[in-house]
Amino acid sequence: MGDGNLTSDLEAYELPGVPWASFFHSDGIGFHGTYWHDNFGYRMSHGCVNMRNEDAKWLYRWTSPEIQHSDWYKLGRGTRVQVI
């Protein structure tokens, strides 16, 4: 997750292998699994919703549009989500 330029800057938010990402904003903000912490319920991001991997996987598979396992991404409108 990021622009593809890995760096040693801890604030750069360049994380390889972020699982089950479902974006809900054009700025790249979305739901995704999290392997780097288990401190859920506290602000840990600059906008994304960090989730346990199994929960992010469930949400990813539940929402639309459907995506094939061979697809890297799918553009277009999907399931409406309200983040509170």
PDB file of N, CA and C in Angstrom:
ATOM      1  N   MET A   1       0.865  -1.154   0.000  1.00  0.00           N
ATOM      2  CA  MET A   1       0.000   0.000   0.000  1.00  0.00           C
ATOM      3  C   MET A   1       0.913   1.219   0.000  1.00  0.00           C
ATOM      4  N   GLY A   2       0.722   2.104  -0.950  1.00  0.00           N
ATOM      5  CA  GLY A   2       1.536   3.302  -1.073  1.00  0.00           C
ATOM      6  C   GLY A   2       1.790   3.600  -2.541  1.00  0.00           C
ATOM      7  N   ASP A   3       2.812   4.387  -2.811  1.00  0.00           N
ATOM      8  CA  ASP A   3       3.097   4.744  -4.204  1.00  0.00           C
ATOM      9  C   ASP A   3       4.189   3.889  -4.832  1.00  0.00           C
ATOM     10  N   GLY A   4       4.642   2.863  -4.139  1.00  0.00           N
ATOM     11  CA  GLY A   4       5.621   1.943  -4.705  1.00  0.00           C
ATOM     12  C   GLY A   4       7.056   2.287  -4.415  1.00  0.00           C
ATOM     13  N   ASN A   5       7.296   3.345  -3.658  1.00  0.00           N
ATOM     14  CA  ASN A   5       8.656   3.736  -3.302  1.00  0.00           C
ATOM     15  C   ASN A   5       8.910   3.410  -1.835  1.00  0.00           C
ATOM     16  N   LEU A   6       9.463   2.222  -1.587  1.00  0.00           N
ATOM     17  CA  LEU A   6       9.739   1.830  -0.209  1.00  0.00           C
ATOM     18  C   LEU A   6      10.816   2.732   0.370  1.00  0.00           C
ATOM     19  N   THR A   7      10.634   3.106   1.614  1.00  0.00           N
ATOM     20  CA  THR A   7      11.537   4.039   2.264  1.00  0.00           C
ATOM     21  C   THR A   7      11.690   3.655   3.730  1.00  0.00           C
ATOM     22  N   SER A   8      12.704   4.190   4.386  1.00  0.00           N
ATOM     23  CA  SER A   8      12.899   3.928   5.814  1.00  0.00           C
ATOM     24  C   SER A   8      12.102   4.911   6.678  1.00  0.00           C
ATOM     25  N   ASP A   9      11.420   5.873   6.070  1.00  0.00           N
ATOM     26  CA  ASP A   9      10.615   6.856   6.800  1.00  0.00           C
ATOM     27  C   ASP A   9       9.384   6.176   7.382  1.00  0.00           C
ATOM     28  N   LEU A  10       9.303   6.104   8.709  1.00  0.00           N
ATOM     29  CA  LEU A  10       8.187   5.425   9.370  1.00  0.00           C
ATOM     30  C   LEU A  10       6.848   6.111   9.142  1.00  0.00           C
ATOM     31  N   GLU A  11       6.849   7.381   8.789  1.00  0.00           N
ATOM     32  CA  GLU A  11       5.622   8.119   8.538  1.00  0.00           C
ATOM     33  C   GLU A  11       5.168   8.048   7.083  1.00  0.00           C
ATOM     34  N   ALA A  12       5.893   7.348   6.234  1.00  0.00           N
ATOM     35  CA  ALA A  12       5.608   7.321   4.799  1.00  0.00           C
ATOM     36  C   ALA A  12       4.416   6.437   4.441  1.00  0.00           C
ATOM     37  N   TYR A  13       3.999   5.558   5.317  1.00  0.00           N
ATOM     38  CA  TYR A  13       2.895   4.643   5.048  1.00  0.00           C
ATOM     39  C   TYR A  13       3.125   3.840   3.775  1.00  0.00           C
ATOM     40  N   GLU A  14       4.301   3.301   3.637  1.00  0.00           N
ATOM     41  CA  GLU A  14       4.622   2.381   2.553  1.00  0.00           C
ATOM     42  C   GLU A  14       4.663   0.988   3.144  1.00  0.00           C
ATOM     43  N   LEU A  15       3.599   0.226   2.952  1.00  0.00           N
ATOM     44  CA  LEU A  15       3.513  -1.103   3.546  1.00  0.00           C
ATOM     45  C   LEU A  15       3.273  -2.146   2.467  1.00  0.00           C
ATOM     46  N   PRO A  16       4.209  -3.063   2.294  1.00  0.00           N
ATOM     47  CA  PRO A  16       4.001  -4.124   1.311  1.00  0.00           C
ATOM     48  C   PRO A  16       3.050  -5.194   1.844  1.00  0.00           C
ATOM     49  N   GLY A  17       2.282  -5.785   0.953  1.00  0.00           N
ATOM     50  CA  GLY A  17       1.450  -6.922   1.307  1.00  0.00           C
ATOM     51  C   GLY A  17       0.277  -6.638   2.219  1.00  0.00           C
ATOM     52  N   VAL A  18      -0.313  -5.450   2.142  1.00  0.00           N
ATOM     53  CA  VAL A  18      -1.491  -5.152   2.967  1.00  0.00           C
ATOM     54  C   VAL A  18      -2.658  -5.980   2.437  1.00  0.00           C
ATOM     55  N   PRO A  19      -3.231  -6.846   3.270  1.00  0.00           N
ATOM     56  CA  PRO A  19      -4.247  -7.781   2.776  1.00  0.00           C
ATOM     57  C   PRO A  19      -5.659  -7.214   2.740  1.00  0.00           C
ATOM     58  N   TRP A  20      -6.433  -7.709   1.806  1.00  0.00           N
ATOM     59  CA  TRP A  20      -7.879  -7.503   1.712  1.00  0.00           C
ATOM     60  C   TRP A  20      -8.283  -6.036   1.722  1.00  0.00           C
ATOM     61  N   ALA A  21      -7.670  -5.230   0.860  1.00  0.00           N
ATOM     62  CA  ALA A  21      -7.952  -3.789   0.792  1.00  0.00           C
ATOM     63  C   ALA A  21      -9.216  -3.520  -0.030  1.00  0.00           C
ATOM     64  N   SER A  22     -10.125  -2.758   0.540  1.00  0.00           N
ATOM     65  CA  SER A  22     -11.352  -2.312  -0.124  1.00  0.00           C
ATOM     66  C   SER A  22     -11.417  -0.798   0.032  1.00  0.00           C
ATOM     67  N   PHE A  23     -11.117  -0.077  -1.019  1.00  0.00           N
ATOM     68  CA  PHE A  23     -11.028   1.384  -0.946  1.00  0.00           C
ATOM     69  C   PHE A  23     -12.402   2.028  -1.063  1.00  0.00           C
ATOM     70  N   PHE A  24     -12.637   3.063  -0.244  1.00  0.00           N
ATOM     71  CA  PHE A  24     -13.916   3.775  -0.294  1.00  0.00           C
ATOM     72  C   PHE A  24     -13.744   5.260  -0.566  1.00  0.00           C
ATOM     73  N   HIS A  25     -12.521   5.703  -0.847  1.00  0.00           N
ATOM     74  CA  HIS A  25     -12.276   7.106  -1.147  1.00  0.00           C
ATOM     75  C   HIS A  25     -11.225   7.202  -2.236  1.00  0.00           C
ATOM     76  N   SER A  26     -11.342   8.193  -3.098  1.00  0.00           N
ATOM     77  CA  SER A  26     -10.404   8.348  -4.217  1.00  0.00           C
ATOM     78  C   SER A  26      -8.982   8.674  -3.767  1.00  0.00           C
ATOM     79  N   ASP A  27      -8.800   9.084  -2.517  1.00  0.00           N
ATOM     80  CA  ASP A  27      -7.464   9.350  -1.981  1.00  0.00           C
ATOM     81  C   ASP A  27      -6.761   8.085  -1.511  1.00  0.00           C
ATOM     82  N   GLY A  28      -7.355   6.922  -1.738  1.00  0.00           N
ATOM     83  CA  GLY A  28      -6.729   5.668  -1.340  1.00  0.00           C
ATOM     84  C   GLY A  28      -7.056   5.230   0.073  1.00  0.00           C
ATOM     85  N   ILE A  29      -8.097   5.797   0.654  1.00  0.00           N
ATOM     86  CA  ILE A  29      -8.511   5.422   2.005  1.00  0.00           C
ATOM     87  C   ILE A  29      -9.480   4.254   1.900  1.00  0.00           C
ATOM     88  N   GLY A  30      -9.305   3.262   2.762  1.00  0.00           N
ATOM     89  CA  GLY A  30     -10.172   2.106   2.685  1.00  0.00           C
ATOM     90  C   GLY A  30     -10.100   1.228   3.918  1.00  0.00           C
ATOM     91  N   PHE A  31     -10.791   0.108   3.837  1.00  0.00           N
ATOM     92  CA  PHE A  31     -10.727  -0.948   4.845  1.00  0.00           C
ATOM     93  C   PHE A  31      -9.596  -1.875   4.420  1.00  0.00           C
ATOM     94  N   HIS A  32      -8.867  -2.422   5.358  1.00  0.00           N
ATOM     95  CA  HIS A  32      -7.865  -3.428   5.006  1.00  0.00           C
ATOM     96  C   HIS A  32      -7.427  -4.201   6.239  1.00  0.00           C
ATOM     97  N   GLY A  33      -6.894  -5.378   5.983  1.00  0.00           N
ATOM     98  CA  GLY A  33      -6.317  -6.179   7.056  1.00  0.00           C
ATOM     99  C   GLY A  33      -5.045  -5.528   7.561  1.00  0.00           C
ATOM    100  N   THR A  34      -4.656  -5.892   8.772  1.00  0.00           N
ATOM    101  CA  THR A  34      -3.504  -5.271   9.414  1.00  0.00           C
ATOM    102  C   THR A  34      -2.643  -6.339  10.072  1.00  0.00           C
ATOM    103  N   TYR A  35      -1.396  -6.442   9.641  1.00  0.00           N
ATOM    104  CA  TYR A  35      -0.470  -7.410  10.236  1.00  0.00           C
ATOM    105  C   TYR A  35       0.529  -6.747  11.176  1.00  0.00           C
ATOM    106  N   TRP A  36       0.580  -5.418  11.229  1.00  0.00           N
ATOM    107  CA  TRP A  36       1.614  -4.727  11.985  1.00  0.00           C
ATOM    108  C   TRP A  36       1.172  -4.275  13.371  1.00  0.00           C
ATOM    109  N   HIS A  37      -0.083  -4.483  13.726  1.00  0.00           N
ATOM    110  CA  HIS A  37      -0.529  -4.186  15.091  1.00  0.00           C
ATOM    111  C   HIS A  37      -1.812  -4.957  15.387  1.00  0.00           C
ATOM    112  N   ASP A  38      -2.160  -5.029  16.661  1.00  0.00           N
ATOM    113  CA  ASP A  38      -3.442  -5.613  17.076  1.00  0.00           C
ATOM    114  C   ASP A  38      -4.117  -4.706  18.096  1.00  0.00           C
ATOM    115  N   ASN A  39      -3.894  -3.417  17.931  1.00  0.00           N
ATOM    116  CA  ASN A  39      -4.403  -2.400  18.839  1.00  0.00           C
ATOM    117  C   ASN A  39      -5.696  -1.784  18.277  1.00  0.00           C
ATOM    118  N   PHE A  40      -6.676  -2.615  18.012  1.00  0.00           N
ATOM    119  CA  PHE A  40      -7.907  -2.159  17.379  1.00  0.00           C
ATOM    120  C   PHE A  40      -8.769  -1.372  18.364  1.00  0.00           C
ATOM    121  N   GLY A  41      -9.498  -0.381  17.824  1.00  0.00           N
ATOM    122  CA  GLY A  41     -10.334   0.474  18.643  1.00  0.00           C
ATOM    123  C   GLY A  41      -9.668   1.797  18.985  1.00  0.00           C
ATOM    124  N   TYR A  42      -8.418   1.977  18.539  1.00  0.00           N
ATOM    125  CA  TYR A  42      -7.677   3.211  18.756  1.00  0.00           C
ATOM    126  C   TYR A  42      -7.191   3.738  17.416  1.00  0.00           C
ATOM    127  N   ARG A  43      -7.067   5.049  17.296  1.00  0.00           N
ATOM    128  CA  ARG A  43      -6.606   5.663  16.058  1.00  0.00           C
ATOM    129  C   ARG A  43      -5.183   5.190  15.764  1.00  0.00           C
ATOM    130  N   MET A  44      -5.018   4.536  14.618  1.00  0.00           N
ATOM    131  CA  MET A  44      -3.717   3.984  14.239  1.00  0.00           C
ATOM    132  C   MET A  44      -3.400   4.294  12.786  1.00  0.00           C
ATOM    133  N   SER A  45      -4.151   5.203  12.162  1.00  0.00           N
ATOM    134  CA  SER A  45      -4.045   5.404  10.733  1.00  0.00           C
ATOM    135  C   SER A  45      -4.313   6.866  10.399  1.00  0.00           C
ATOM    136  N   HIS A  46      -4.024   7.235   9.160  1.00  0.00           N
ATOM    137  CA  HIS A  46      -4.341   8.581   8.666  1.00  0.00           C
ATOM    138  C   HIS A  46      -5.647   8.589   7.887  1.00  0.00           C
ATOM    139  N   GLY A  47      -6.520   7.624   8.145  1.00  0.00           N
ATOM    140  CA  GLY A  47      -7.805   7.615   7.481  1.00  0.00           C
ATOM    141  C   GLY A  47      -8.356   6.230   7.204  1.00  0.00           C
ATOM    142  N   CYS A  48      -7.479   5.259   6.984  1.00  0.00           N
ATOM    143  CA  CYS A  48      -7.950   3.903   6.704  1.00  0.00           C
ATOM    144  C   CYS A  48      -8.566   3.265   7.945  1.00  0.00           C
ATOM    145  N   VAL A  49      -9.386   2.257   7.710  1.00  0.00           N
ATOM    146  CA  VAL A  49      -9.975   1.483   8.788  1.00  0.00           C
ATOM    147  C   VAL A  49      -9.184   0.184   8.875  1.00  0.00           C
ATOM    148  N   ASN A  50      -8.307   0.075   9.879  1.00  0.00           N
ATOM    149  CA  ASN A  50      -7.512  -1.137  10.100  1.00  0.00           C
ATOM    150  C   ASN A  50      -8.400  -2.202  10.707  1.00  0.00           C
ATOM    151  N   MET A  51      -8.299  -3.419  10.183  1.00  0.00           N
ATOM    152  CA  MET A  51      -9.150  -4.507  10.660  1.00  0.00           C
ATOM    153  C   MET A  51      -8.313  -5.762  10.875  1.00  0.00           C
ATOM    154  N   ARG A  52      -8.847  -6.674  11.693  1.00  0.00           N
ATOM    155  CA  ARG A  52      -8.219  -7.989  11.780  1.00  0.00           C
ATOM    156  C   ARG A  52      -8.313  -8.602  10.388  1.00  0.00           C
ATOM    157  N   ASN A  53      -7.316  -9.365   9.995  1.00  0.00           N
ATOM    158  CA  ASN A  53      -7.275  -9.914   8.643  1.00  0.00           C
ATOM    159  C   ASN A  53      -8.527 -10.712   8.292  1.00  0.00           C
ATOM    160  N   GLU A  54      -9.007 -11.527   9.217  1.00  0.00           N
ATOM    161  CA  GLU A  54     -10.187 -12.334   8.910  1.00  0.00           C
ATOM    162  C   GLU A  54     -11.432 -11.472   8.715  1.00  0.00           C
ATOM    163  N   ASP A  55     -11.538 -10.344   9.431  1.00  0.00           N
ATOM    164  CA  ASP A  55     -12.667  -9.435   9.258  1.00  0.00           C
ATOM    165  C   ASP A  55     -12.569  -8.675   7.939  1.00  0.00           C
ATOM    166  N   ALA A  56     -11.371  -8.233   7.586  1.00  0.00           N
ATOM    167  CA  ALA A  56     -11.171  -7.539   6.312  1.00  0.00           C
ATOM    168  C   ALA A  56     -11.453  -8.480   5.138  1.00  0.00           C
ATOM    169  N   LYS A  57     -11.081  -9.727   5.273  1.00  0.00           N
ATOM    170  CA  LYS A  57     -11.356 -10.723   4.230  1.00  0.00           C
ATOM    171  C   LYS A  57     -12.863 -10.910   4.069  1.00  0.00           C
ATOM    172  N   TRP A  58     -13.595 -11.004   5.176  1.00  0.00           N
ATOM    173  CA  TRP A  58     -15.050 -11.168   5.104  1.00  0.00           C
ATOM    174  C   TRP A  58     -15.679  -9.974   4.394  1.00  0.00           C
ATOM    175  N   LEU A  59     -15.291  -8.748   4.784  1.00  0.00           N
ATOM    176  CA  LEU A  59     -15.858  -7.552   4.168  1.00  0.00           C
ATOM    177  C   LEU A  59     -15.521  -7.497   2.676  1.00  0.00           C
ATOM    178  N   TYR A  60     -14.293  -7.791   2.326  1.00  0.00           N
ATOM    179  CA  TYR A  60     -13.850  -7.783   0.931  1.00  0.00           C
ATOM    180  C   TYR A  60     -14.701  -8.740   0.093  1.00  0.00           C
ATOM    181  N   ARG A  61     -14.951  -9.910   0.611  1.00  0.00           N
ATOM    182  CA  ARG A  61     -15.726 -10.918  -0.136  1.00  0.00           C
ATOM    183  C   ARG A  61     -17.217 -10.617  -0.144  1.00  0.00           C
ATOM    184  N   TRP A  62     -17.712  -9.851   0.820  1.00  0.00           N
ATOM    185  CA  TRP A  62     -19.138  -9.543   0.923  1.00  0.00           C
ATOM    186  C   TRP A  62     -19.550  -8.407   0.002  1.00  0.00           C
ATOM    187  N   THR A  63     -18.674  -7.429  -0.201  1.00  0.00           N
ATOM    188  CA  THR A  63     -19.022  -6.247  -0.973  1.00  0.00           C
ATOM    189  C   THR A  63     -18.941  -6.505  -2.472  1.00  0.00           C
ATOM    190  N   SER A  64     -19.490  -5.587  -3.241  1.00  0.00           N
ATOM    191  CA  SER A  64     -19.417  -5.675  -4.689  1.00  0.00           C
ATOM    192  C   SER A  64     -18.624  -4.476  -5.207  1.00  0.00           C
ATOM    193  N   PRO A  65     -18.128  -4.458  -6.425  1.00  0.00           N
ATOM    194  CA  PRO A  65     -18.361  -5.471  -7.441  1.00  0.00           C
ATOM    195  C   PRO A  65     -17.554  -6.729  -7.151  1.00  0.00           C
ATOM    196  N   GLU A  66     -18.058  -7.843  -7.669  1.00  0.00           N
ATOM    197  CA  GLU A  66     -17.318  -9.087  -7.521  1.00  0.00           C
ATOM    198  C   GLU A  66     -16.024  -8.985  -8.309  1.00  0.00           C
ATOM    199  N   ILE A  67     -14.984  -9.572  -7.771  1.00  0.00           N
ATOM    200  CA  ILE A  67     -13.679  -9.527  -8.422  1.00  0.00           C
ATOM    201  C   ILE A  67     -13.130 -10.950  -8.493  1.00  0.00           C
ATOM    202  N   GLN A  68     -12.522 -11.268  -9.592  1.00  0.00           N
ATOM    203  CA  GLN A  68     -11.951 -12.597  -9.782  1.00  0.00           C
ATOM    204  C   GLN A  68     -10.594 -12.688  -9.095  1.00  0.00           C
ATOM    205  N   HIS A  69     -10.203 -13.881  -8.703  1.00  0.00           N
ATOM    206  CA  HIS A  69      -8.939 -14.055  -7.995  1.00  0.00           C
ATOM    207  C   HIS A  69      -7.742 -13.623  -8.831  1.00  0.00           C
ATOM    208  N   SER A  70      -7.880 -13.599 -10.134  1.00  0.00           N
ATOM    209  CA  SER A  70      -6.774 -13.212 -11.013  1.00  0.00           C
ATOM    210  C   SER A  70      -6.700 -11.698 -11.239  1.00  0.00           C
ATOM    211  N   ASP A  71      -7.725 -10.942 -10.797  1.00  0.00           N
ATOM    212  CA  ASP A  71      -7.741  -9.489 -10.966  1.00  0.00           C
ATOM    213  C   ASP A  71      -6.961  -8.810  -9.844  1.00  0.00           C
ATOM    214  N   TRP A  72      -6.217  -7.784 -10.197  1.00  0.00           N
ATOM    215  CA  TRP A  72      -5.492  -7.003  -9.192  1.00  0.00           C
ATOM    216  C   TRP A  72      -6.380  -5.926  -8.599  1.00  0.00           C
ATOM    217  N   TYR A  73      -7.309  -5.407  -9.379  1.00  0.00           N
ATOM    218  CA  TYR A  73      -8.207  -4.364  -8.905  1.00  0.00           C
ATOM    219  C   TYR A  73      -9.413  -4.308  -9.825  1.00  0.00           C
ATOM    220  N   LYS A  74     -10.436  -3.587  -9.378  1.00  0.00           N
ATOM    221  CA  LYS A  74     -11.633  -3.398 -10.192  1.00  0.00           C
ATOM    222  C   LYS A  74     -12.144  -1.993  -9.915  1.00  0.00           C
ATOM    223  N   LEU A  75     -12.307  -1.222 -10.966  1.00  0.00           N
ATOM    224  CA  LEU A  75     -12.800   0.146 -10.832  1.00  0.00           C
ATOM    225  C   LEU A  75     -14.317   0.179 -10.917  1.00  0.00           C
ATOM    226  N   GLY A  76     -14.905   1.229 -10.383  1.00  0.00           N
ATOM    227  CA  GLY A  76     -16.348   1.405 -10.479  1.00  0.00           C
ATOM    228  C   GLY A  76     -16.981   1.492  -9.110  1.00  0.00           C
ATOM    229  N   ARG A  77     -18.258   1.733  -9.123  1.00  0.00           N
ATOM    230  CA  ARG A  77     -18.993   1.850  -7.864  1.00  0.00           C
ATOM    231  C   ARG A  77     -19.341   0.464  -7.344  1.00  0.00           C
ATOM    232  N   GLY A  78     -19.236   0.343  -6.047  1.00  0.00           N
ATOM    233  CA  GLY A  78     -19.541  -0.932  -5.412  1.00  0.00           C
ATOM    234  C   GLY A  78     -20.589  -0.752  -4.342  1.00  0.00           C
ATOM    235  N   THR A  79     -20.499  -1.573  -3.326  1.00  0.00           N
ATOM    236  CA  THR A  79     -21.441  -1.550  -2.209  1.00  0.00           C
ATOM    237  C   THR A  79     -21.291  -0.245  -1.420  1.00  0.00           C
ATOM    238  N   ARG A  80     -22.391   0.420  -1.156  1.00  0.00           N
ATOM    239  CA  ARG A  80     -22.367   1.661  -0.362  1.00  0.00           C
ATOM    240  C   ARG A  80     -22.036   1.307   1.077  1.00  0.00           C
ATOM    241  N   VAL A  81     -21.084   2.034   1.651  1.00  0.00           N
ATOM    242  CA  VAL A  81     -20.629   1.806   3.017  1.00  0.00           C
ATOM    243  C   VAL A  81     -20.678   3.120   3.769  1.00  0.00           C
ATOM    244  N   GLN A  82     -21.201   3.093   4.975  1.00  0.00           N
ATOM    245  CA  GLN A  82     -21.238   4.273   5.816  1.00  0.00           C
ATOM    246  C   GLN A  82     -20.245   4.076   6.955  1.00  0.00           C
ATOM    247  N   VAL A  83     -19.239   4.942   7.023  1.00  0.00           N
ATOM    248  CA  VAL A  83     -18.219   4.865   8.078  1.00  0.00           C
ATOM    249  C   VAL A  83     -18.581   5.889   9.147  1.00  0.00           C
ATOM    250  N   ILE A  84     -18.770   5.410  10.353  1.00  0.00           N
ATOM    251  CA  ILE A  84     -19.177   6.281  11.470  1.00  0.00           C
ATOM    252  C   ILE A  84     -18.044   6.370  12.482  1.00  0.00           C
TER     253      ILE A  84
END
